[in-house]
N, C-alpha and C. Protein backbone atom coordinates (compact mmCIF):
# COMPACT_ATOMS: atom_id res chain seq x y z
N MET A 1 0.92 -1.32 0.19
CA MET A 1 0.06 -0.15 -0.06
C MET A 1 0.84 1.03 -0.19
N ILE A 2 0.56 2.24 -0.79
CA ILE A 2 1.31 3.45 -1.15
C ILE A 2 0.35 4.35 -0.50
N GLN A 3 0.71 5.48 0.12
CA GLN A 3 0.22 6.62 0.51
C GLN A 3 0.94 7.95 0.33
N ILE A 4 0.51 9.21 -0.24
CA ILE A 4 1.12 10.30 -0.23
C ILE A 4 0.29 11.29 0.13
N GLU A 5 0.67 12.21 1.11
CA GLU A 5 0.24 13.05 1.76
C GLU A 5 1.00 14.54 1.51
N ASN A 6 0.16 15.69 1.20
CA ASN A 6 0.72 16.95 1.51
C ASN A 6 2.42 17.14 0.85
N LEU A 7 2.29 16.29 -0.16
CA LEU A 7 4.14 16.39 -0.57
C LEU A 7 4.71 17.61 -1.39
N THR A 8 5.52 18.09 -0.85
CA THR A 8 6.28 19.20 -1.87
C THR A 8 7.69 19.10 -1.88
N TYR A 9 8.25 19.44 -2.94
CA TYR A 9 9.56 19.62 -3.04
C TYR A 9 10.16 20.88 -3.90
N GLN A 10 11.42 21.13 -3.43
CA GLN A 10 12.05 22.15 -4.09
C GLN A 10 13.48 22.16 -4.31
N TYR A 11 14.03 21.73 -5.62
CA TYR A 11 15.49 21.66 -6.06
C TYR A 11 16.15 22.96 -5.37
N ASN A 12 15.81 24.53 -5.34
CA ASN A 12 16.71 25.53 -4.89
C ASN A 12 15.62 26.61 -4.78
N LYS A 13 16.15 27.59 -3.82
CA LYS A 13 15.15 28.73 -3.51
C LYS A 13 14.69 29.44 -4.85
N SER A 14 15.74 29.26 -5.66
CA SER A 14 15.34 30.30 -7.11
C SER A 14 14.21 29.57 -7.76
N GLU A 15 13.85 28.14 -7.41
CA GLU A 15 13.31 27.41 -8.45
C GLU A 15 11.73 27.36 -7.66
N PRO A 16 10.57 27.28 -8.39
CA PRO A 16 9.09 27.14 -7.78
C PRO A 16 8.95 25.85 -7.00
N ILE A 17 8.33 25.83 -6.20
CA ILE A 17 7.94 24.76 -5.20
C ILE A 17 7.19 23.79 -5.89
N LEU A 18 7.34 22.55 -5.95
CA LEU A 18 6.50 21.51 -6.58
C LEU A 18 5.83 20.87 -5.58
N SER A 19 4.30 20.96 -5.87
CA SER A 19 3.39 19.97 -5.28
C SER A 19 2.53 18.93 -5.77
N PHE A 20 2.35 17.70 -5.20
CA PHE A 20 2.02 16.91 -5.57
C PHE A 20 0.87 16.43 -5.12
N PRO A 21 -0.10 15.71 -5.92
CA PRO A 21 -1.36 15.36 -5.63
C PRO A 21 -1.33 14.09 -4.46
N ASN A 22 -2.27 14.12 -3.40
CA ASN A 22 -2.49 12.94 -2.34
C ASN A 22 -3.22 11.98 -3.13
N ILE A 23 -2.41 10.79 -3.00
CA ILE A 23 -2.67 9.47 -3.34
C ILE A 23 -2.67 8.43 -2.55
N THR A 24 -3.55 7.60 -2.46
CA THR A 24 -3.73 6.33 -2.00
C THR A 24 -3.90 4.95 -2.74
N LEU A 25 -3.22 4.33 -2.76
CA LEU A 25 -2.93 3.14 -3.68
C LEU A 25 -3.39 1.77 -2.82
N ASN A 26 -4.19 1.09 -2.61
CA ASN A 26 -4.06 -0.04 -2.04
C ASN A 26 -3.11 -1.09 -2.42
N LYS A 27 -2.83 -2.17 -1.66
CA LYS A 27 -2.01 -2.96 -2.09
C LYS A 27 -2.45 -3.72 -3.32
N GLY A 28 -1.29 -3.90 -4.29
CA GLY A 28 -1.64 -4.87 -5.57
C GLY A 28 -2.32 -3.92 -6.62
N LYS A 29 -2.53 -2.65 -6.37
CA LYS A 29 -3.00 -1.56 -7.56
C LYS A 29 -2.07 -1.04 -7.98
N ASN A 30 -2.44 -0.86 -9.52
CA ASN A 30 -1.29 0.21 -10.49
C ASN A 30 -1.94 1.58 -10.62
N LEU A 31 -1.02 2.14 -10.96
CA LEU A 31 -1.48 3.72 -11.31
C LEU A 31 -0.18 4.07 -12.54
N LEU A 32 -0.79 4.84 -13.46
CA LEU A 32 -0.32 5.39 -14.30
C LEU A 32 -0.24 7.10 -13.94
N ILE A 33 0.75 7.70 -14.33
CA ILE A 33 0.93 9.16 -14.06
C ILE A 33 1.34 9.63 -15.20
N LEU A 34 0.29 10.60 -15.59
CA LEU A 34 0.53 11.29 -17.09
C LEU A 34 1.05 12.66 -16.85
N GLY A 35 1.93 13.27 -17.74
CA GLY A 35 2.38 14.64 -17.75
C GLY A 35 3.50 14.82 -18.88
N GLU A 36 3.65 15.86 -19.24
CA GLU A 36 4.39 16.34 -19.98
C GLU A 36 5.83 16.81 -19.36
N SER A 37 6.83 16.70 -20.03
CA SER A 37 7.94 16.81 -19.73
C SER A 37 8.43 18.13 -18.90
N GLY A 38 9.11 17.94 -17.80
CA GLY A 38 9.21 19.02 -16.85
C GLY A 38 8.19 19.47 -15.70
N ILE A 39 7.10 18.73 -15.80
CA ILE A 39 6.00 19.06 -15.00
C ILE A 39 6.35 18.32 -13.41
N GLY A 40 7.18 17.49 -13.31
CA GLY A 40 7.74 17.09 -12.01
C GLY A 40 7.44 15.30 -11.80
N LYS A 41 7.26 14.88 -12.90
CA LYS A 41 6.97 13.47 -12.94
C LYS A 41 8.06 12.61 -12.02
N SER A 42 9.54 12.91 -12.70
CA SER A 42 10.51 12.22 -12.46
C SER A 42 10.92 12.40 -11.10
N THR A 43 10.42 13.76 -10.61
CA THR A 43 11.01 14.18 -9.01
C THR A 43 9.95 13.36 -8.05
N LEU A 44 8.73 13.27 -8.53
CA LEU A 44 7.81 12.36 -7.75
C LEU A 44 8.07 11.19 -7.45
N LEU A 45 8.83 10.25 -8.65
CA LEU A 45 9.48 8.93 -8.44
C LEU A 45 10.57 9.14 -7.90
N HIS A 46 11.46 9.88 -7.71
CA HIS A 46 12.45 9.99 -6.98
C HIS A 46 12.24 10.09 -5.57
N LEU A 47 11.13 10.79 -5.07
CA LEU A 47 10.67 10.96 -3.57
C LEU A 47 9.84 9.77 -3.16
N LEU A 48 9.24 8.76 -4.34
CA LEU A 48 8.65 7.86 -3.86
C LEU A 48 9.74 6.59 -3.79
N ALA A 49 11.01 6.91 -4.23
CA ALA A 49 12.01 6.13 -4.16
C ALA A 49 12.94 6.25 -3.03
N GLY A 50 12.50 7.44 -2.42
CA GLY A 50 13.41 7.70 -1.17
C GLY A 50 14.67 8.21 -1.53
N LEU A 51 14.79 8.52 -2.86
CA LEU A 51 16.35 9.24 -3.53
C LEU A 51 16.55 10.70 -3.13
N LEU A 52 15.02 11.38 -2.96
CA LEU A 52 15.00 12.86 -2.77
C LEU A 52 14.13 12.76 -1.36
N LYS A 53 14.21 13.71 -0.64
CA LYS A 53 13.69 14.12 0.57
C LYS A 53 12.63 15.25 0.57
N PRO A 54 11.21 15.10 0.58
CA PRO A 54 10.46 16.34 0.60
C PRO A 54 10.70 17.41 1.52
N ILE A 55 10.16 18.36 1.25
CA ILE A 55 10.05 19.67 2.07
C ILE A 55 8.99 19.29 3.07
N THR A 56 7.61 19.08 2.61
CA THR A 56 6.65 18.68 3.43
C THR A 56 5.88 17.47 2.87
N GLY A 57 5.06 17.02 3.92
CA GLY A 57 4.23 15.53 3.41
C GLY A 57 4.88 14.38 3.95
N LYS A 58 4.33 13.43 3.94
CA LYS A 58 5.03 12.11 3.94
C LYS A 58 4.54 11.33 3.04
N ILE A 59 5.47 10.10 2.70
CA ILE A 59 5.38 9.03 1.85
C ILE A 59 5.46 7.58 2.76
N LEU A 60 4.18 6.92 2.83
CA LEU A 60 4.07 5.54 3.46
C LEU A 60 4.12 4.48 2.35
N ILE A 61 4.92 3.45 2.49
CA ILE A 61 4.93 2.53 1.70
C ILE A 61 4.76 0.89 2.91
N ASN A 62 3.69 0.31 2.70
CA ASN A 62 3.17 -0.53 3.54
C ASN A 62 3.37 -0.45 5.01
N GLU A 63 3.00 1.18 5.51
CA GLU A 63 3.11 1.57 6.87
C GLU A 63 4.21 1.77 7.23
N ILE A 64 5.08 2.10 6.41
CA ILE A 64 6.76 2.57 6.83
C ILE A 64 6.72 3.81 6.12
N THR A 65 6.92 5.06 7.07
CA THR A 65 7.06 6.49 6.71
C THR A 65 8.63 6.39 5.85
N LEU A 66 8.25 6.74 4.76
CA LEU A 66 9.79 6.58 4.08
C LEU A 66 11.06 7.57 4.37
N ASN A 67 10.38 9.02 4.38
CA ASN A 67 11.02 10.04 4.88
C ASN A 67 11.40 10.18 6.37
N SER A 68 11.26 9.11 7.31
CA SER A 68 11.55 8.98 8.35
C SER A 68 12.54 8.20 8.61
N LEU A 69 13.00 7.41 7.87
CA LEU A 69 13.99 6.55 7.57
C LEU A 69 15.23 7.12 7.77
N LYS A 70 16.34 6.41 8.61
CA LYS A 70 17.73 6.99 8.29
C LYS A 70 18.31 6.22 7.06
N ASN A 71 19.64 6.98 6.75
CA ASN A 71 19.96 6.57 5.70
C ASN A 71 20.18 4.91 5.40
N ASN A 72 20.95 4.19 6.08
CA ASN A 72 21.12 3.19 6.17
C ASN A 72 19.97 2.10 6.04
N GLN A 73 19.09 2.52 6.93
CA GLN A 73 17.48 1.78 6.82
C GLN A 73 16.85 1.94 5.78
N LEU A 74 17.21 3.20 5.03
CA LEU A 74 16.35 3.56 3.60
C LEU A 74 17.04 2.55 2.46
N ASP A 75 18.40 2.53 2.53
CA ASP A 75 19.11 1.75 1.71
C ASP A 75 18.42 0.52 1.67
N GLN A 76 18.52 -0.14 2.96
CA GLN A 76 18.12 -1.50 2.95
C GLN A 76 16.36 -1.81 2.79
N PHE A 77 15.88 -0.76 3.13
CA PHE A 77 14.03 -1.09 2.42
C PHE A 77 14.08 -0.79 1.08
N ARG A 78 15.08 0.23 0.35
CA ARG A 78 14.87 0.38 -0.94
C ARG A 78 15.40 -0.87 -1.77
N GLY A 79 16.18 -1.48 -1.29
CA GLY A 79 16.97 -2.49 -2.01
C GLY A 79 16.25 -3.74 -1.92
N LYS A 80 15.17 -3.97 -1.00
CA LYS A 80 14.34 -5.18 -0.64
C LYS A 80 13.11 -4.99 -1.08
N ASN A 81 12.57 -3.79 -1.04
CA ASN A 81 10.90 -3.68 -1.52
C ASN A 81 10.64 -2.88 -2.51
N ILE A 82 11.69 -2.24 -3.29
CA ILE A 82 11.39 -1.30 -4.46
C ILE A 82 11.99 -1.88 -5.58
N GLY A 83 11.36 -2.08 -6.87
CA GLY A 83 12.29 -1.76 -7.95
C GLY A 83 12.27 -0.65 -8.70
N LEU A 84 13.07 -0.41 -9.24
CA LEU A 84 13.18 0.94 -9.95
C LEU A 84 13.87 0.71 -11.56
N ALA A 85 12.96 1.23 -12.38
CA ALA A 85 13.62 1.35 -13.62
C ALA A 85 13.50 3.15 -14.23
N PHE A 86 14.59 3.36 -14.16
CA PHE A 86 14.59 4.88 -14.52
C PHE A 86 14.76 4.95 -16.23
N GLN A 87 14.60 6.42 -16.61
CA GLN A 87 14.60 6.59 -17.96
C GLN A 87 16.33 6.44 -17.99
N LYS A 88 17.14 7.07 -17.12
CA LYS A 88 18.47 6.91 -17.36
C LYS A 88 18.89 5.63 -17.17
N LYS A 89 19.85 4.91 -17.80
CA LYS A 89 20.27 3.15 -17.79
C LYS A 89 21.37 3.48 -16.36
N TYR A 90 21.43 2.80 -15.41
CA TYR A 90 22.27 2.75 -14.29
C TYR A 90 22.96 1.05 -14.49
N ALA A 91 23.07 0.59 -15.43
CA ALA A 91 23.62 -1.08 -15.45
C ALA A 91 25.06 -0.60 -15.46
N ILE A 92 25.71 -1.85 -14.69
CA ILE A 92 27.43 -1.51 -14.41
C ILE A 92 27.88 -1.97 -15.74
N GLU A 93 28.56 -0.89 -16.15
CA GLU A 93 29.34 -1.12 -17.32
C GLU A 93 30.35 -2.14 -17.49
N SER A 94 31.04 -2.47 -16.39
CA SER A 94 32.07 -3.62 -16.19
C SER A 94 31.58 -4.93 -16.56
N LEU A 95 30.28 -5.21 -16.12
CA LEU A 95 29.69 -6.32 -15.90
C LEU A 95 28.87 -6.89 -17.36
N ASN A 96 28.69 -8.10 -17.72
CA ASN A 96 27.78 -8.29 -18.76
C ASN A 96 26.26 -8.21 -18.45
N LEU A 97 25.29 -8.52 -19.27
CA LEU A 97 23.94 -8.16 -19.00
C LEU A 97 23.81 -9.34 -17.87
N MET A 98 23.90 -10.68 -17.96
CA MET A 98 23.82 -11.38 -16.85
C MET A 98 24.15 -11.34 -15.68
N ASN A 99 25.21 -10.94 -15.54
CA ASN A 99 25.95 -10.63 -14.30
C ASN A 99 25.41 -9.17 -13.46
N ASN A 100 24.85 -8.24 -14.45
CA ASN A 100 24.23 -7.01 -14.18
C ASN A 100 22.88 -7.82 -12.82
N ILE A 101 22.31 -8.30 -13.75
CA ILE A 101 20.94 -9.23 -12.97
C ILE A 101 21.42 -9.78 -11.58
N LYS A 102 22.57 -10.48 -11.49
CA LYS A 102 23.16 -11.23 -10.51
C LYS A 102 23.42 -10.55 -9.68
N ALA A 103 24.13 -9.22 -9.95
CA ALA A 103 24.72 -8.18 -9.24
C ALA A 103 23.30 -7.44 -8.31
N ARG A 104 22.14 -7.48 -8.78
CA ARG A 104 21.09 -6.71 -8.53
C ARG A 104 20.51 -7.51 -7.33
N LEU A 105 20.70 -8.99 -7.34
CA LEU A 105 20.12 -9.96 -6.65
C LEU A 105 21.09 -10.15 -5.31
N PHE A 106 22.22 -9.77 -5.59
CA PHE A 106 23.26 -9.69 -4.68
C PHE A 106 22.93 -8.68 -3.61
N PHE A 107 22.83 -7.51 -3.75
CA PHE A 107 22.58 -6.16 -3.32
C PHE A 107 21.18 -6.10 -2.65
N SER A 108 20.68 -7.14 -3.21
CA SER A 108 18.81 -6.95 -2.29
C SER A 108 18.83 -7.97 -1.64
N LYS A 109 19.77 -8.97 -1.54
CA LYS A 109 20.12 -10.17 -0.77
C LYS A 109 18.81 -11.15 -0.88
N VAL A 110 18.36 -11.19 -2.33
CA VAL A 110 17.23 -12.31 -2.57
C VAL A 110 18.03 -13.25 -3.43
N VAL A 111 17.45 -14.44 -3.37
CA VAL A 111 18.10 -15.72 -4.15
C VAL A 111 17.03 -15.99 -5.46
N VAL A 112 17.58 -15.84 -6.38
CA VAL A 112 16.64 -16.25 -7.73
C VAL A 112 17.31 -17.27 -8.45
N SER A 113 16.69 -18.31 -8.98
CA SER A 113 17.26 -19.42 -9.89
C SER A 113 18.05 -18.63 -11.04
N ASP A 114 18.81 -19.52 -11.79
CA ASP A 114 19.34 -19.14 -12.98
C ASP A 114 18.01 -19.52 -14.30
N GLU A 115 17.26 -20.44 -13.52
CA GLU A 115 16.10 -20.57 -14.64
C GLU A 115 15.09 -19.65 -14.66
N ARG A 116 14.85 -18.81 -13.67
CA ARG A 116 14.03 -18.02 -13.31
C ARG A 116 14.50 -16.62 -14.16
N ILE A 117 16.01 -16.43 -13.84
CA ILE A 117 16.29 -15.26 -14.69
C ILE A 117 16.53 -15.30 -16.19
N GLU A 118 16.51 -16.51 -16.72
CA GLU A 118 16.47 -16.78 -18.08
C GLU A 118 15.38 -16.68 -18.91
N VAL A 119 14.11 -17.15 -17.83
CA VAL A 119 12.76 -17.03 -18.44
C VAL A 119 12.48 -15.53 -18.73
N LEU A 120 12.96 -14.69 -17.82
CA LEU A 120 12.85 -13.25 -17.63
C LEU A 120 13.36 -12.55 -19.03
N LEU A 121 14.63 -13.21 -19.31
CA LEU A 121 15.48 -12.54 -20.25
C LEU A 121 14.80 -12.91 -21.80
N LYS A 122 14.01 -14.03 -21.60
CA LYS A 122 13.35 -14.46 -22.88
C LYS A 122 12.25 -14.04 -23.22
N GLN A 123 11.56 -13.45 -22.08
CA GLN A 123 10.29 -12.68 -22.09
C GLN A 123 10.64 -11.28 -22.35
N LEU A 124 11.94 -10.65 -22.28
CA LEU A 124 12.13 -9.31 -22.57
C LEU A 124 13.23 -9.46 -24.14
N ASP A 125 13.08 -10.77 -24.72
CA ASP A 125 14.25 -10.81 -25.90
C ASP A 125 15.51 -10.42 -25.74
N LEU A 126 16.14 -10.71 -24.48
CA LEU A 126 17.14 -10.34 -24.26
C LEU A 126 18.15 -11.57 -23.77
N PHE A 127 17.57 -12.71 -24.19
CA PHE A 127 18.44 -14.01 -23.88
C PHE A 127 19.55 -14.58 -24.59
N ASP A 128 19.78 -14.05 -25.59
CA ASP A 128 20.70 -14.11 -26.65
C ASP A 128 21.96 -13.17 -26.28
N LEU A 129 21.51 -12.17 -25.31
CA LEU A 129 22.56 -11.10 -25.01
C LEU A 129 22.86 -11.44 -23.84
N LYS A 130 22.87 -12.38 -23.12
CA LYS A 130 23.15 -12.45 -21.55
C LYS A 130 24.48 -12.28 -21.40
N GLU A 131 25.57 -12.91 -22.55
CA GLU A 131 27.20 -12.45 -22.10
C GLU A 131 27.46 -11.29 -22.65
N SER A 132 26.47 -10.29 -23.08
CA SER A 132 27.08 -9.34 -23.99
C SER A 132 27.12 -8.17 -22.66
N LYS A 133 28.37 -7.25 -23.08
CA LYS A 133 28.83 -6.52 -22.18
C LYS A 133 27.55 -5.17 -22.47
N VAL A 134 27.37 -4.35 -21.42
CA VAL A 134 26.32 -3.15 -21.48
C VAL A 134 26.55 -2.33 -22.70
N SER A 135 28.05 -2.10 -22.89
CA SER A 135 28.29 -1.12 -23.98
C SER A 135 27.86 -1.60 -25.28
N GLU A 136 27.42 -3.06 -25.52
CA GLU A 136 27.44 -3.56 -26.89
C GLU A 136 25.64 -3.62 -27.01
N LEU A 137 25.16 -3.12 -25.88
CA LEU A 137 23.64 -2.80 -26.08
C LEU A 137 23.05 -1.74 -26.74
N SER A 138 21.96 -1.81 -27.26
CA SER A 138 21.13 -0.75 -27.82
C SER A 138 20.26 0.18 -26.85
N GLU A 139 19.87 1.10 -27.04
CA GLU A 139 19.08 1.88 -26.05
C GLU A 139 17.76 1.29 -26.00
N GLY A 140 17.13 0.41 -26.87
CA GLY A 140 15.96 -0.24 -26.57
C GLY A 140 16.38 -1.42 -25.48
N GLN A 141 17.40 -2.26 -25.79
CA GLN A 141 18.13 -3.21 -25.02
C GLN A 141 18.40 -2.88 -23.74
N LEU A 142 18.96 -1.68 -23.62
CA LEU A 142 19.40 -1.16 -22.16
C LEU A 142 18.05 -0.71 -21.12
N GLN A 143 16.94 -0.40 -22.04
CA GLN A 143 15.76 0.23 -21.16
C GLN A 143 15.08 -1.45 -21.22
N ARG A 144 15.03 -2.37 -21.79
CA ARG A 144 14.72 -3.43 -21.16
C ARG A 144 15.33 -4.16 -20.39
N LEU A 145 16.64 -4.18 -20.28
CA LEU A 145 17.52 -4.51 -19.02
C LEU A 145 17.08 -4.05 -17.88
N SER A 146 16.76 -2.60 -18.10
CA SER A 146 16.44 -1.69 -16.65
C SER A 146 15.24 -2.68 -16.21
N ILE A 147 14.31 -2.88 -17.15
CA ILE A 147 13.13 -3.26 -16.36
C ILE A 147 13.26 -4.67 -15.77
N ALA A 148 14.26 -5.62 -16.20
CA ALA A 148 14.52 -6.90 -15.85
C ALA A 148 15.14 -6.37 -14.48
N LEU A 149 15.83 -5.54 -14.25
CA LEU A 149 16.76 -5.31 -12.94
C LEU A 149 15.46 -4.53 -11.94
N SER A 150 14.60 -4.06 -12.58
CA SER A 150 13.53 -3.56 -11.77
C SER A 150 12.59 -4.58 -10.99
N VAL A 151 12.40 -5.82 -11.64
CA VAL A 151 11.18 -6.77 -11.27
C VAL A 151 11.91 -8.12 -10.64
N ILE A 152 13.38 -8.29 -10.87
CA ILE A 152 13.74 -9.89 -10.65
C ILE A 152 13.68 -10.03 -9.00
N HIS A 153 14.21 -9.04 -8.19
CA HIS A 153 13.83 -9.28 -7.01
C HIS A 153 12.76 -9.49 -6.15
N ASN A 154 11.63 -9.50 -7.08
CA ASN A 154 10.22 -9.50 -6.57
C ASN A 154 9.86 -8.38 -5.44
N PRO A 155 10.25 -7.18 -5.86
CA PRO A 155 9.76 -6.09 -5.01
C PRO A 155 8.56 -5.89 -4.71
N GLN A 156 8.27 -5.16 -3.49
CA GLN A 156 6.41 -4.77 -3.26
C GLN A 156 6.18 -3.55 -4.08
N VAL A 157 7.07 -2.67 -4.46
CA VAL A 157 6.59 -1.30 -5.46
C VAL A 157 7.57 -1.36 -6.41
N ILE A 158 6.84 -1.26 -7.56
CA ILE A 158 7.80 -1.16 -9.01
C ILE A 158 7.41 0.38 -9.24
N LEU A 159 8.66 0.80 -9.38
CA LEU A 159 8.46 2.50 -9.74
C LEU A 159 9.12 2.54 -11.52
N ALA A 160 8.34 3.01 -12.58
CA ALA A 160 8.83 2.87 -13.84
C ALA A 160 9.07 4.39 -14.61
N ASP A 161 10.20 5.08 -14.91
CA ASP A 161 10.23 6.16 -15.21
C ASP A 161 10.36 6.38 -16.67
N GLU A 162 9.40 6.65 -17.51
CA GLU A 162 9.30 6.66 -19.01
C GLU A 162 10.10 5.05 -19.43
N PRO A 163 9.34 3.94 -19.10
CA PRO A 163 9.88 2.51 -19.31
C PRO A 163 9.93 2.36 -20.86
N THR A 164 8.99 2.98 -21.58
CA THR A 164 8.67 2.71 -23.00
C THR A 164 9.18 3.76 -23.96
N SER A 165 9.88 4.68 -23.39
CA SER A 165 10.49 5.76 -24.39
C SER A 165 11.16 5.54 -25.56
N SER A 166 12.20 4.31 -25.37
CA SER A 166 12.89 3.98 -26.31
C SER A 166 12.63 2.84 -27.21
N LEU A 167 11.51 2.31 -26.83
CA LEU A 167 10.87 1.09 -27.77
C LEU A 167 9.86 1.23 -28.59
N ASP A 168 9.68 0.31 -29.66
CA ASP A 168 8.59 0.32 -30.59
C ASP A 168 7.28 -0.10 -29.82
N ASP A 169 6.37 0.11 -30.80
CA ASP A 169 5.25 -0.50 -30.49
C ASP A 169 4.92 -1.97 -29.85
N LYS A 170 5.85 -2.85 -30.77
CA LYS A 170 5.59 -4.50 -30.00
C LYS A 170 6.36 -4.50 -28.60
N ASN A 171 7.62 -3.95 -28.53
CA ASN A 171 8.15 -3.63 -27.28
C ASN A 171 7.66 -3.23 -26.18
N CYS A 172 7.04 -1.92 -26.49
CA CYS A 172 6.22 -1.24 -25.74
C CYS A 172 5.22 -2.23 -24.85
N LYS A 173 4.32 -2.85 -25.48
CA LYS A 173 3.29 -3.67 -25.35
C LYS A 173 3.98 -5.00 -24.45
N VAL A 174 5.31 -5.58 -24.76
CA VAL A 174 5.79 -6.64 -24.01
C VAL A 174 6.12 -6.15 -22.54
N VAL A 175 6.59 -4.85 -22.61
CA VAL A 175 7.25 -4.37 -21.27
C VAL A 175 6.11 -4.04 -20.25
N ILE A 176 4.87 -3.51 -20.79
CA ILE A 176 3.96 -3.02 -19.97
C ILE A 176 3.12 -4.64 -19.29
N LYS A 177 2.75 -5.28 -20.18
CA LYS A 177 2.36 -6.52 -19.74
C LYS A 177 3.19 -7.24 -18.95
N LEU A 178 4.52 -7.20 -19.16
CA LEU A 178 5.59 -7.89 -18.33
C LEU A 178 5.54 -6.96 -16.70
N LEU A 179 5.65 -5.95 -16.78
CA LEU A 179 5.81 -5.04 -15.48
C LEU A 179 4.25 -5.51 -14.84
N LYS A 180 2.93 -5.44 -15.61
CA LYS A 180 1.67 -5.49 -14.88
C LYS A 180 1.85 -7.29 -14.08
N LYS A 181 2.42 -8.09 -15.19
CA LYS A 181 2.32 -9.70 -14.57
C LYS A 181 3.14 -9.38 -13.33
N HIS A 182 4.12 -9.19 -12.94
CA HIS A 182 5.41 -9.20 -12.22
C HIS A 182 4.54 -8.45 -10.76
N ALA A 183 3.96 -7.52 -11.16
CA ALA A 183 3.33 -6.74 -10.05
C ALA A 183 2.00 -7.67 -9.42
N LYS A 184 1.36 -8.50 -10.31
CA LYS A 184 0.16 -9.25 -9.71
C LYS A 184 0.76 -10.34 -9.12
N GLN A 185 1.73 -11.10 -9.94
CA GLN A 185 2.39 -12.17 -9.17
C GLN A 185 2.61 -12.19 -7.69
N THR A 186 3.20 -10.88 -7.25
CA THR A 186 3.73 -10.43 -5.89
C THR A 186 2.95 -9.63 -5.09
N ASN A 187 1.64 -9.25 -5.92
CA ASN A 187 0.59 -8.28 -5.42
C ASN A 187 1.48 -7.09 -4.99
N ALA A 188 2.31 -6.68 -5.76
CA ALA A 188 3.10 -5.42 -5.54
C ALA A 188 2.06 -4.32 -6.41
N ASN A 189 2.57 -3.18 -5.94
CA ASN A 189 1.99 -1.93 -6.47
C ASN A 189 2.83 -1.31 -7.70
N LEU A 190 2.43 -1.15 -8.73
CA LEU A 190 3.39 -0.61 -9.99
C LEU A 190 3.03 0.85 -10.28
N ILE A 191 3.68 1.40 -10.15
CA ILE A 191 3.57 2.66 -10.95
C ILE A 191 4.71 3.14 -11.96
N VAL A 192 3.69 3.95 -12.93
CA VAL A 192 4.54 4.05 -14.34
C VAL A 192 4.22 5.40 -14.23
N ILE A 193 5.50 6.29 -14.69
CA ILE A 193 5.39 7.62 -14.84
C ILE A 193 5.82 8.04 -16.22
N THR A 194 5.02 8.79 -17.23
CA THR A 194 5.29 8.93 -18.68
C THR A 194 4.59 9.58 -19.22
N HIS A 195 4.69 10.14 -20.52
CA HIS A 195 4.27 11.10 -21.34
C HIS A 195 3.69 10.11 -22.70
N ASP A 196 4.04 8.90 -22.57
CA ASP A 196 4.04 7.91 -23.56
C ASP A 196 2.30 7.54 -23.60
N HIS A 197 1.33 8.06 -24.30
CA HIS A 197 0.11 7.92 -24.23
C HIS A 197 -0.33 6.61 -24.59
N ARG A 198 0.63 5.67 -25.52
CA ARG A 198 0.36 4.49 -26.01
C ARG A 198 0.19 3.42 -24.79
N ILE A 199 0.41 3.95 -23.74
CA ILE A 199 0.30 2.75 -22.66
C ILE A 199 -0.99 3.23 -21.86
N LYS A 200 -2.03 4.31 -22.11
CA LYS A 200 -2.57 4.42 -21.16
C LYS A 200 -3.78 3.38 -21.22
N PRO A 201 -4.08 2.73 -22.49
CA PRO A 201 -5.27 1.51 -22.50
C PRO A 201 -4.92 0.28 -21.33
N PHE A 202 -3.42 0.32 -20.81
CA PHE A 202 -3.29 -0.85 -19.86
C PHE A 202 -3.91 -0.25 -18.51
N PHE A 203 -4.18 0.63 -18.27
CA PHE A 203 -4.34 1.13 -16.90
C PHE A 203 -5.73 1.38 -16.80
N GLN A 204 -6.37 0.72 -15.39
CA GLN A 204 -7.59 1.60 -15.18
C GLN A 204 -7.50 2.92 -14.41
N ASN A 205 -6.49 2.76 -13.48
CA ASN A 205 -6.25 4.05 -12.69
C ASN A 205 -5.01 5.07 -13.62
N SER A 206 -5.22 6.16 -13.53
CA SER A 206 -4.43 7.21 -14.18
C SER A 206 -4.77 8.79 -13.68
N ILE A 207 -3.71 9.36 -13.34
CA ILE A 207 -3.93 10.94 -13.01
C ILE A 207 -3.18 11.68 -13.84
N LYS A 208 -3.01 12.80 -14.10
CA LYS A 208 -2.17 13.69 -14.72
C LYS A 208 -1.77 14.99 -14.09
N LEU A 209 -0.34 14.90 -13.89
CA LEU A 209 0.33 16.21 -13.30
C LEU A 209 -0.06 17.50 -13.83
């Protein structure tokens, strides 16, 4: 379950204060957040992930007040409970695709079989690239790797920032269906933040910033 109340954020005093709507999302429910570039969508995602601290308000995830946790507690909570798929790709350059996923599991302290990893890679059409270096991947392949990294550890909250921006129509549908499938399997919350209106039909709940 996710609750957002009276949330505001300001990058510096010369910029306007960003205000976000109150949101209550029951366990297992999904939400699409639409809005044009620069409106604060990515800021909201970073707040939900605990990567930014709000000026006012609070964020509750499964009854844990995120912005009251100390840094080490927040790191542990995020690693175990939150799956992040950012628009900017954060794969480890020195590792191949498969080892990037295993590194994600190591830091999450979650054990997943190689068989399950391979099933996920096949679903994302990445299996034949599992030994490839990150530098050898295209933008679309990197985006699909980001999706794999966000769901492989079975998080309770999946946060996706523009997860389809580099994808064609076919892979756009594959990625959104996969995100929804993994969220349903673990009764997790899925929040997708985007300006890509192609994915709106896949969500019953949506808001516009």
